Amino acid sequence: DDGDVEPWAETFTVDATIANNANPAPAAGRELILKV
């Protein structure tokens, strides 16, 4: 909410995945999660 995306991304493992039913493919890996 504060836009602190780098520390937010650190709350995910390096190989984390995020999937949701609004996007065609899950985000895999902290770097892609950070980019999104």
PDB file of all heavy atoms in Angstrom:
ATOM      1  N   ASP A   1       0.816  -1.210   0.000  1.00  0.00           N
ATOM      2  CA  ASP A   1       0.000   0.000   0.000  1.00  0.00           C
ATOM      3  C   ASP A   1       0.853   1.265   0.000  1.00  0.00           C
ATOM      4  O   ASP A   1       0.468   2.286  -0.563  1.00  0.00           O
ATOM      5  CB  ASP A   1      -0.947   0.019   1.199  1.00  0.00           C
ATOM      6  CG  ASP A   1      -2.051  -1.015   1.084  1.00  0.00           C
ATOM      7  OD1 ASP A   1      -2.279  -1.553  -0.018  1.00  0.00           O
ATOM      8  OD2 ASP A   1      -2.690  -1.292   2.117  1.00  0.00           O
ATOM      9  N   ASP A   2       2.026   1.190   0.617  1.00  0.00           N
ATOM     10  CA  ASP A   2       2.934   2.344   0.668  1.00  0.00           C
ATOM     11  C   ASP A   2       3.834   2.439  -0.562  1.00  0.00           C
ATOM     12  O   ASP A   2       4.642   3.357  -0.670  1.00  0.00           O
ATOM     13  CB  ASP A   2       3.798   2.281   1.926  1.00  0.00           C
ATOM     14  CG  ASP A   2       2.996   2.504   3.201  1.00  0.00           C
ATOM     15  OD1 ASP A   2       1.867   3.033   3.117  1.00  0.00           O
ATOM     16  OD2 ASP A   2       3.500   2.148   4.278  1.00  0.00           O
ATOM     17  N   GLY A   3       3.722   1.480  -1.474  1.00  0.00           N
ATOM     18  CA  GLY A   3       4.543   1.497  -2.673  1.00  0.00           C
ATOM     19  C   GLY A   3       5.973   1.049  -2.443  1.00  0.00           C
ATOM     20  O   GLY A   3       6.836   1.249  -3.292  1.00  0.00           O
ATOM     21  N   ASP A   4       6.232   0.403  -1.308  1.00  0.00           N
ATOM     22  CA  ASP A   4       7.573  -0.098  -0.988  1.00  0.00           C
ATOM     23  C   ASP A   4       7.735  -1.492  -1.588  1.00  0.00           C
ATOM     24  O   ASP A   4       7.776  -2.502  -0.876  1.00  0.00           O
ATOM     25  CB  ASP A   4       7.782  -0.145   0.530  1.00  0.00           C
ATOM     26  CG  ASP A   4       7.838   1.236   1.154  1.00  0.00           C
ATOM     27  OD1 ASP A   4       8.193   2.196   0.438  1.00  0.00           O
ATOM     28  OD2 ASP A   4       7.526   1.353   2.352  1.00  0.00           O
ATOM     29  N   VAL A   5       7.841  -1.563  -2.910  1.00  0.00           N
ATOM     30  CA  VAL A   5       7.772  -2.845  -3.590  1.00  0.00           C
ATOM     31  C   VAL A   5       9.012  -3.718  -3.395  1.00  0.00           C
ATOM     32  O   VAL A   5       8.896  -4.942  -3.396  1.00  0.00           O
ATOM     33  CB  VAL A   5       7.442  -2.692  -5.088  1.00  0.00           C
ATOM     34  CG1 VAL A   5       6.027  -2.174  -5.264  1.00  0.00           C
ATOM     35  CG2 VAL A   5       8.433  -1.799  -5.793  1.00  0.00           C
ATOM     36  N   GLU A   6      10.182  -3.110  -3.223  1.00  0.00           N
ATOM     37  CA  GLU A   6      11.370  -3.950  -3.016  1.00  0.00           C
ATOM     38  C   GLU A   6      11.294  -4.716  -1.694  1.00  0.00           C
ATOM     39  O   GLU A   6      11.458  -5.939  -1.687  1.00  0.00           O
ATOM     40  CB  GLU A   6      12.659  -3.124  -3.121  1.00  0.00           C
ATOM     41  CG  GLU A   6      13.070  -2.803  -4.548  1.00  0.00           C
ATOM     42  CD  GLU A   6      12.259  -1.667  -5.180  1.00  0.00           C
ATOM     43  OE1 GLU A   6      11.520  -0.947  -4.461  1.00  0.00           O
ATOM     44  OE2 GLU A   6      12.346  -1.502  -6.406  1.00  0.00           O
ATOM     45  N   PRO A   7      11.023  -4.035  -0.559  1.00  0.00           N
ATOM     46  CA  PRO A   7      10.867  -4.815   0.683  1.00  0.00           C
ATOM     47  C   PRO A   7       9.663  -5.754   0.631  1.00  0.00           C
ATOM     48  O   PRO A   7       9.689  -6.836   1.204  1.00  0.00           O
ATOM     49  CB  PRO A   7      10.694  -3.770   1.780  1.00  0.00           C
ATOM     50  CG  PRO A   7      10.948  -2.451   1.172  1.00  0.00           C
ATOM     51  CD  PRO A   7      11.011  -2.614  -0.315  1.00  0.00           C
ATOM     52  N   TRP A   8       8.608  -5.358  -0.080  1.00  0.00           N
ATOM     53  CA  TRP A   8       7.447  -6.240  -0.240  1.00  0.00           C
ATOM     54  C   TRP A   8       7.864  -7.514  -0.960  1.00  0.00           C
ATOM     55  O   TRP A   8       7.505  -8.617  -0.540  1.00  0.00           O
ATOM     56  CB  TRP A   8       6.337  -5.520  -1.013  1.00  0.00           C
ATOM     57  CG  TRP A   8       5.148  -6.368  -1.307  1.00  0.00           C
ATOM     58  CD1 TRP A   8       4.094  -6.638  -0.470  1.00  0.00           C
ATOM     59  CD2 TRP A   8       4.884  -7.095  -2.518  1.00  0.00           C
ATOM     60  NE1 TRP A   8       3.199  -7.480  -1.095  1.00  0.00           N
ATOM     61  CE2 TRP A   8       3.660  -7.767  -2.348  1.00  0.00           C
ATOM     62  CE3 TRP A   8       5.568  -7.222  -3.721  1.00  0.00           C
ATOM     63  CZ2 TRP A   8       3.101  -8.568  -3.333  1.00  0.00           C
ATOM     64  CZ3 TRP A   8       5.016  -8.030  -4.716  1.00  0.00           C
ATOM     65  CH2 TRP A   8       3.790  -8.685  -4.518  1.00  0.00           C
ATOM     66  N   ALA A   9       8.649  -7.389  -2.031  1.00  0.00           N
ATOM     67  CA  ALA A   9       9.089  -8.563  -2.786  1.00  0.00           C
ATOM     68  C   ALA A   9       9.946  -9.489  -1.933  1.00  0.00           C
ATOM     69  O   ALA A   9       9.948 -10.703  -2.138  1.00  0.00           O
ATOM     70  CB  ALA A   9       9.852  -8.138  -4.041  1.00  0.00           C
ATOM     71  N   GLU A  10      10.659  -8.936  -0.965  1.00  0.00           N
ATOM     72  CA  GLU A  10      11.480  -9.752  -0.073  1.00  0.00           C
ATOM     73  C   GLU A  10      10.632 -10.653   0.827  1.00  0.00           C
ATOM     74  O   GLU A  10      11.164 -11.577   1.443  1.00  0.00           O
ATOM     75  CB  GLU A  10      12.383  -8.870   0.788  1.00  0.00           C
ATOM     76  CG  GLU A  10      13.442  -8.130  -0.003  1.00  0.00           C
ATOM     77  CD  GLU A  10      14.490  -9.056  -0.599  1.00  0.00           C
ATOM     78  OE1 GLU A  10      14.892 -10.016   0.088  1.00  0.00           O
ATOM     79  OE2 GLU A  10      14.901  -8.820  -1.753  1.00  0.00           O
ATOM     80  N   THR A  11       9.315 -10.408   0.884  1.00  0.00           N
ATOM     81  CA  THR A  11       8.437 -11.272   1.675  1.00  0.00           C
ATOM     82  C   THR A  11       8.063 -12.540   0.906  1.00  0.00           C
ATOM     83  O   THR A  11       7.283 -13.345   1.399  1.00  0.00           O
ATOM     84  CB  THR A  11       7.159 -10.534   2.145  1.00  0.00           C
ATOM     85  OG1 THR A  11       6.345 -10.222   1.011  1.00  0.00           O
ATOM     86  CG2 THR A  11       7.502  -9.278   2.934  1.00  0.00           C
ATOM     87  N   PHE A  12       8.644 -12.715  -0.289  1.00  0.00           N
ATOM     88  CA  PHE A  12       8.447 -13.908  -1.106  1.00  0.00           C
ATOM     89  C   PHE A  12       9.776 -14.650  -1.211  1.00  0.00           C
ATOM     90  O   PHE A  12      10.839 -14.035  -1.253  1.00  0.00           O
ATOM     91  CB  PHE A  12       7.971 -13.529  -2.520  1.00  0.00           C
ATOM     92  CG  PHE A  12       6.581 -12.978  -2.546  1.00  0.00           C
ATOM     93  CD1 PHE A  12       6.343 -11.643  -2.285  1.00  0.00           C
ATOM     94  CD2 PHE A  12       5.496 -13.805  -2.817  1.00  0.00           C
ATOM     95  CE1 PHE A  12       5.057 -11.125  -2.288  1.00  0.00           C
ATOM     96  CE2 PHE A  12       4.213 -13.300  -2.825  1.00  0.00           C
ATOM     97  CZ  PHE A  12       3.989 -11.961  -2.558  1.00  0.00           C
ATOM     98  N   THR A  13       9.708 -15.972  -1.294  1.00  0.00           N
ATOM     99  CA  THR A  13      10.925 -16.742  -1.515  1.00  0.00           C
ATOM    100  C   THR A  13      11.441 -16.445  -2.925  1.00  0.00           C
ATOM    101  O   THR A  13      10.697 -15.951  -3.784  1.00  0.00           O
ATOM    102  CB  THR A  13      10.674 -18.260  -1.371  1.00  0.00           C
ATOM    103  OG1 THR A  13       9.731 -18.669  -2.365  1.00  0.00           O
ATOM    104  CG2 THR A  13      10.177 -18.612   0.032  1.00  0.00           C
ATOM    105  N   VAL A  14      12.696 -16.748  -3.172  1.00  0.00           N
ATOM    106  CA  VAL A  14      13.308 -16.493  -4.478  1.00  0.00           C
ATOM    107  C   VAL A  14      12.546 -17.214  -5.588  1.00  0.00           C
ATOM    108  O   VAL A  14      12.383 -16.688  -6.689  1.00  0.00           O
ATOM    109  CB  VAL A  14      14.799 -16.900  -4.465  1.00  0.00           C
ATOM    110  CG1 VAL A  14      15.406 -16.827  -5.846  1.00  0.00           C
ATOM    111  CG2 VAL A  14      15.578 -16.035  -3.493  1.00  0.00           C
ATOM    112  N   ASP A  15      12.027 -18.403  -5.295  1.00  0.00           N
ATOM    113  CA  ASP A  15      11.329 -19.199  -6.305  1.00  0.00           C
ATOM    114  C   ASP A  15       9.808 -19.200  -6.127  1.00  0.00           C
ATOM    115  O   ASP A  15       9.110 -20.087  -6.620  1.00  0.00           O
ATOM    116  CB  ASP A  15      11.854 -20.626  -6.303  1.00  0.00           C
ATOM    117  CG  ASP A  15      11.670 -21.324  -4.954  1.00  0.00           C
ATOM    118  OD1 ASP A  15      11.346 -20.645  -3.952  1.00  0.00           O
ATOM    119  OD2 ASP A  15      11.859 -22.549  -4.898  1.00  0.00           O
ATOM    120  N   ALA A  16       9.282 -18.196  -5.461  1.00  0.00           N
ATOM    121  CA  ALA A  16       7.844 -18.115  -5.189  1.00  0.00           C
ATOM    122  C   ALA A  16       7.032 -18.035  -6.477  1.00  0.00           C
ATOM    123  O   ALA A  16       7.534 -17.622  -7.526  1.00  0.00           O
ATOM    124  CB  ALA A  16       7.544 -16.891  -4.324  1.00  0.00           C
ATOM    125  N   THR A  17       5.755 -18.415  -6.363  1.00  0.00           N
ATOM    126  CA  THR A  17       4.810 -18.247  -7.464  1.00  0.00           C
ATOM    127  C   THR A  17       3.564 -17.533  -6.946  1.00  0.00           C
ATOM    128  O   THR A  17       3.168 -17.710  -5.791  1.00  0.00           O
ATOM    129  CB  THR A  17       4.377 -19.592  -8.089  1.00  0.00           C
ATOM    130  OG1 THR A  17       3.756 -20.401  -7.090  1.00  0.00           O
ATOM    131  CG2 THR A  17       5.551 -20.322  -8.718  1.00  0.00           C
ATOM    132  N   ILE A  18       2.994 -16.707  -7.827  1.00  0.00           N
ATOM    133  CA  ILE A  18       1.694 -16.093  -7.568  1.00  0.00           C
ATOM    134  C   ILE A  18       0.824 -16.387  -8.782  1.00  0.00           C
ATOM    135  O   ILE A  18       1.188 -16.050  -9.906  1.00  0.00           O
ATOM    136  CB  ILE A  18       1.769 -14.562  -7.381  1.00  0.00           C
ATOM    137  CG1 ILE A  18       2.653 -14.169  -6.210  1.00  0.00           C
ATOM    138  CG2 ILE A  18       0.354 -13.997  -7.196  1.00  0.00           C
ATOM    139  CD1 ILE A  18       2.791 -12.666  -6.022  1.00  0.00           C
ATOM    140  N   ALA A  19      -0.298 -17.013  -8.523  1.00  0.00           N
ATOM    141  CA  ALA A  19      -1.265 -17.288  -9.581  1.00  0.00           C
ATOM    142  C   ALA A  19      -2.570 -16.613  -9.216  1.00  0.00           C
ATOM    143  O   ALA A  19      -2.902 -16.476  -8.037  1.00  0.00           O
ATOM    144  CB  ALA A  19      -1.476 -18.794  -9.725  1.00  0.00           C
ATOM    145  N   ASN A  20      -3.298 -16.150 -10.232  1.00  0.00           N
ATOM    146  CA  ASN A  20      -4.639 -15.630  -9.981  1.00  0.00           C
ATOM    147  C   ASN A  20      -5.498 -15.879 -11.201  1.00  0.00           C
ATOM    148  O   ASN A  20      -4.990 -16.128 -12.295  1.00  0.00           O
ATOM    149  CB  ASN A  20      -4.613 -14.153  -9.569  1.00  0.00           C
ATOM    150  CG  ASN A  20      -4.215 -13.240 -10.696  1.00  0.00           C
ATOM    151  OD1 ASN A  20      -4.938 -13.110 -11.674  1.00  0.00           O
ATOM    152  ND2 ASN A  20      -3.056 -12.606 -10.561  1.00  0.00           N
ATOM    153  N   ASN A  21      -6.773 -15.838 -11.007  1.00  0.00           N
ATOM    154  CA  ASN A  21      -7.710 -16.151 -12.076  1.00  0.00           C
ATOM    155  C   ASN A  21      -7.986 -14.966 -12.998  1.00  0.00           C
ATOM    156  O   ASN A  21      -8.838 -15.051 -13.858  1.00  0.00           O
ATOM    157  CB  ASN A  21      -9.021 -16.719 -11.507  1.00  0.00           C
ATOM    158  CG  ASN A  21      -9.737 -15.737 -10.606  1.00  0.00           C
ATOM    159  OD1 ASN A  21      -9.151 -14.811 -10.054  1.00  0.00           O
ATOM    160  ND2 ASN A  21     -11.027 -15.952 -10.421  1.00  0.00           N
ATOM    161  N   ALA A  22      -7.217 -13.882 -12.872  1.00  0.00           N
ATOM    162  CA  ALA A  22      -7.371 -12.731 -13.758  1.00  0.00           C
ATOM    163  C   ALA A  22      -6.290 -12.694 -14.840  1.00  0.00           C
ATOM    164  O   ALA A  22      -6.387 -11.911 -15.771  1.00  0.00           O
ATOM    165  CB  ALA A  22      -7.333 -11.434 -12.945  1.00  0.00           C
ATOM    166  N   ASN A  23      -5.248 -13.509 -14.699  1.00  0.00           N
ATOM    167  CA  ASN A  23      -4.131 -13.508 -15.638  1.00  0.00           C
ATOM    168  C   ASN A  23      -3.925 -14.897 -16.214  1.00  0.00           C
ATOM    169  O   ASN A  23      -4.164 -15.890 -15.546  1.00  0.00           O
ATOM    170  CB  ASN A  23      -2.851 -13.036 -14.936  1.00  0.00           C
ATOM    171  CG  ASN A  23      -2.948 -11.592 -14.509  1.00  0.00           C
ATOM    172  OD1 ASN A  23      -3.396 -10.746 -15.275  1.00  0.00           O
ATOM    173  ND2 ASN A  23      -2.555 -11.308 -13.290  1.00  0.00           N
ATOM    174  N   PRO A  24      -3.406 -14.981 -17.426  1.00  0.00           N
ATOM    175  CA  PRO A  24      -3.270 -16.277 -18.080  1.00  0.00           C
ATOM    176  C   PRO A  24      -2.157 -17.166 -17.518  1.00  0.00           C
ATOM    177  O   PRO A  24      -2.214 -18.377 -17.679  1.00  0.00           O
ATOM    178  CB  PRO A  24      -2.969 -15.916 -19.536  1.00  0.00           C
ATOM    179  CG  PRO A  24      -2.412 -14.541 -19.476  1.00  0.00           C
ATOM    180  CD  PRO A  24      -3.053 -13.880 -18.290  1.00  0.00           C
ATOM    181  N   ALA A  25      -1.153 -16.594 -16.876  1.00  0.00           N
ATOM    182  CA  ALA A  25      -0.036 -17.410 -16.385  1.00  0.00           C
ATOM    183  C   ALA A  25       0.434 -16.891 -15.031  1.00  0.00           C
ATOM    184  O   ALA A  25       0.414 -15.687 -14.783  1.00  0.00           O
ATOM    185  CB  ALA A  25       1.120 -17.366 -17.376  1.00  0.00           C
ATOM    186  N   PRO A  26       0.866 -17.784 -14.147  1.00  0.00           N
ATOM    187  CA  PRO A  26       1.353 -17.332 -12.845  1.00  0.00           C
ATOM    188  C   PRO A  26       2.691 -16.609 -12.975  1.00  0.00           C
ATOM    189  O   PRO A  26       3.449 -16.844 -13.913  1.00  0.00           O
ATOM    190  CB  PRO A  26       1.516 -18.626 -12.048  1.00  0.00           C
ATOM    191  CG  PRO A  26       1.629 -19.703 -13.068  1.00  0.00           C
ATOM    192  CD  PRO A  26       0.888 -19.228 -14.281  1.00  0.00           C
ATOM    193  N   ALA A  27       2.952 -15.715 -12.053  1.00  0.00           N
ATOM    194  CA  ALA A  27       4.269 -15.077 -11.948  1.00  0.00           C
ATOM    195  C   ALA A  27       5.149 -16.029 -11.156  1.00  0.00           C
ATOM    196  O   ALA A  27       4.801 -16.416 -10.040  1.00  0.00           O
ATOM    197  CB  ALA A  27       4.161 -13.728 -11.249  1.00  0.00           C
ATOM    198  N   ALA A  28       6.274 -16.419 -11.738  1.00  0.00           N
ATOM    199  CA  ALA A  28       7.165 -17.382 -11.093  1.00  0.00           C
ATOM    200  C   ALA A  28       8.515 -16.723 -10.823  1.00  0.00           C
ATOM    201  O   ALA A  28       9.152 -16.211 -11.743  1.00  0.00           O
ATOM    202  CB  ALA A  28       7.345 -18.613 -11.980  1.00  0.00           C
ATOM    203  N   GLY A  29       8.899 -16.724  -9.566  1.00  0.00           N
ATOM    204  CA  GLY A  29      10.179 -16.166  -9.155  1.00  0.00           C
ATOM    205  C   GLY A  29      10.048 -14.746  -8.642  1.00  0.00           C
ATOM    206  O   GLY A  29       9.238 -13.960  -9.135  1.00  0.00           O
ATOM    207  N   ARG A  30      10.854 -14.437  -7.631  1.00  0.00           N
ATOM    208  CA  ARG A  30      10.782 -13.129  -6.980  1.00  0.00           C
ATOM    209  C   ARG A  30      11.044 -11.981  -7.961  1.00  0.00           C
ATOM    210  O   ARG A  30      10.412 -10.929  -7.867  1.00  0.00           O
ATOM    211  CB  ARG A  30      11.764 -13.054  -5.822  1.00  0.00           C
ATOM    212  CG  ARG A  30      11.628 -11.750  -5.042  1.00  0.00           C
ATOM    213  CD  ARG A  30      12.706 -11.563  -4.011  1.00  0.00           C
ATOM    214  NE  ARG A  30      12.639 -12.551  -2.970  1.00  0.00           N
ATOM    215  CZ  ARG A  30      13.676 -12.899  -2.216  1.00  0.00           C
ATOM    216  NH1 ARG A  30      14.862 -12.338  -2.406  1.00  0.00           N
ATOM    217  NH2 ARG A  30      13.551 -13.811  -1.275  1.00  0.00           N
ATOM    218  N   GLU A  31      11.959 -12.157  -8.897  1.00  0.00           N
ATOM    219  CA  GLU A  31      12.272 -11.075  -9.836  1.00  0.00           C
ATOM    220  C   GLU A  31      11.066 -10.698 -10.690  1.00  0.00           C
ATOM    221  O   GLU A  31      10.786  -9.520 -10.901  1.00  0.00           O
ATOM    222  CB  GLU A  31      13.476 -11.437 -10.707  1.00  0.00           C
ATOM    223  CG  GLU A  31      14.787 -11.399  -9.955  1.00  0.00           C
ATOM    224  CD  GLU A  31      15.071 -10.062  -9.282  1.00  0.00           C
ATOM    225  OE1 GLU A  31      14.905  -9.001  -9.934  1.00  0.00           O
ATOM    226  OE2 GLU A  31      15.443 -10.072  -8.089  1.00  0.00           O
ATOM    227  N   LEU A  32      10.344 -11.690 -11.194  1.00  0.00           N
ATOM    228  CA  LEU A  32       9.142 -11.393 -11.981  1.00  0.00           C
ATOM    229  C   LEU A  32       8.053 -10.806 -11.090  1.00  0.00           C
ATOM    230  O   LEU A  32       7.356  -9.865 -11.491  1.00  0.00           O
ATOM    231  CB  LEU A  32       8.636 -12.645 -12.690  1.00  0.00           C
ATOM    232  CG  LEU A  32       7.393 -12.456 -13.560  1.00  0.00           C
ATOM    233  CD1 LEU A  32       7.591 -11.346 -14.595  1.00  0.00           C
ATOM    234  CD2 LEU A  32       7.018 -13.765 -14.236  1.00  0.00           C
ATOM    235  N   ILE A  33       7.911 -11.329  -9.888  1.00  0.00           N
ATOM    236  CA  ILE A  33       6.931 -10.784  -8.942  1.00  0.00           C
ATOM    237  C   ILE A  33       7.245  -9.318  -8.666  1.00  0.00           C
ATOM    238  O   ILE A  33       6.349  -8.475  -8.656  1.00  0.00           O
ATOM    239  CB  ILE A  33       6.905 -11.622  -7.652  1.00  0.00           C
ATOM    240  CG1 ILE A  33       6.300 -13.007  -7.945  1.00  0.00           C
ATOM    241  CG2 ILE A  33       6.159 -10.909  -6.535  1.00  0.00           C
ATOM    242  CD1 ILE A  33       6.479 -14.022  -6.831  1.00  0.00           C
ATOM    243  N   LEU A  34       8.510  -8.990  -8.493  1.00  0.00           N
ATOM    244  CA  LEU A  34       8.923  -7.595  -8.258  1.00  0.00           C
ATOM    245  C   LEU A  34       8.610  -6.724  -9.471  1.00  0.00           C
ATOM    246  O   LEU A  34       8.112  -5.600  -9.328  1.00  0.00           O
ATOM    247  CB  LEU A  34      10.414  -7.529  -7.920  1.00  0.00           C
ATOM    248  CG  LEU A  34      11.014  -6.143  -7.721  1.00  0.00           C
ATOM    249  CD1 LEU A  34      10.281  -5.357  -6.636  1.00  0.00           C
ATOM    250  CD2 LEU A  34      12.498  -6.249  -7.399  1.00  0.00           C
ATOM    251  N   LYS A  35       8.868  -7.225 -10.663  1.00  0.00           N
ATOM    252  CA  LYS A  35       8.589  -6.466 -11.887  1.00  0.00           C
ATOM    253  C   LYS A  35       7.099  -6.132 -11.984  1.00  0.00           C
ATOM    254  O   LYS A  35       6.717  -4.999 -12.291  1.00  0.00           O
ATOM    255  CB  LYS A  35       9.042  -7.275 -13.103  1.00  0.00           C
ATOM    256  CG  LYS A  35       8.841  -6.582 -14.415  1.00  0.00           C
ATOM    257  CD  LYS A  35       9.333  -7.455 -15.564  1.00  0.00           C
ATOM    258  CE  LYS A  35       9.086  -6.789 -16.904  1.00  0.00           C
ATOM    259  NZ  LYS A  35       9.527  -7.638 -18.016  1.00  0.00           N
ATOM    260  N   VAL A  36       6.254  -7.114 -11.720  1.00  0.00           N
ATOM    261  CA  VAL A  36       4.807  -6.898 -11.757  1.00  0.00           C
ATOM    262  C   VAL A  36       4.388  -5.902 -10.672  1.00  0.00           C
ATOM    263  O   VAL A  36       3.575  -5.002 -10.914  1.00  0.00           O
ATOM    264  CB  VAL A  36       4.053  -8.235 -11.612  1.00  0.00           C
ATOM    265  CG1 VAL A  36       2.554  -8.007 -11.435  1.00  0.00           C
ATOM    266  CG2 VAL A  36       4.327  -9.134 -12.811  1.00  0.00           C
TER     267      VAL A  36
END
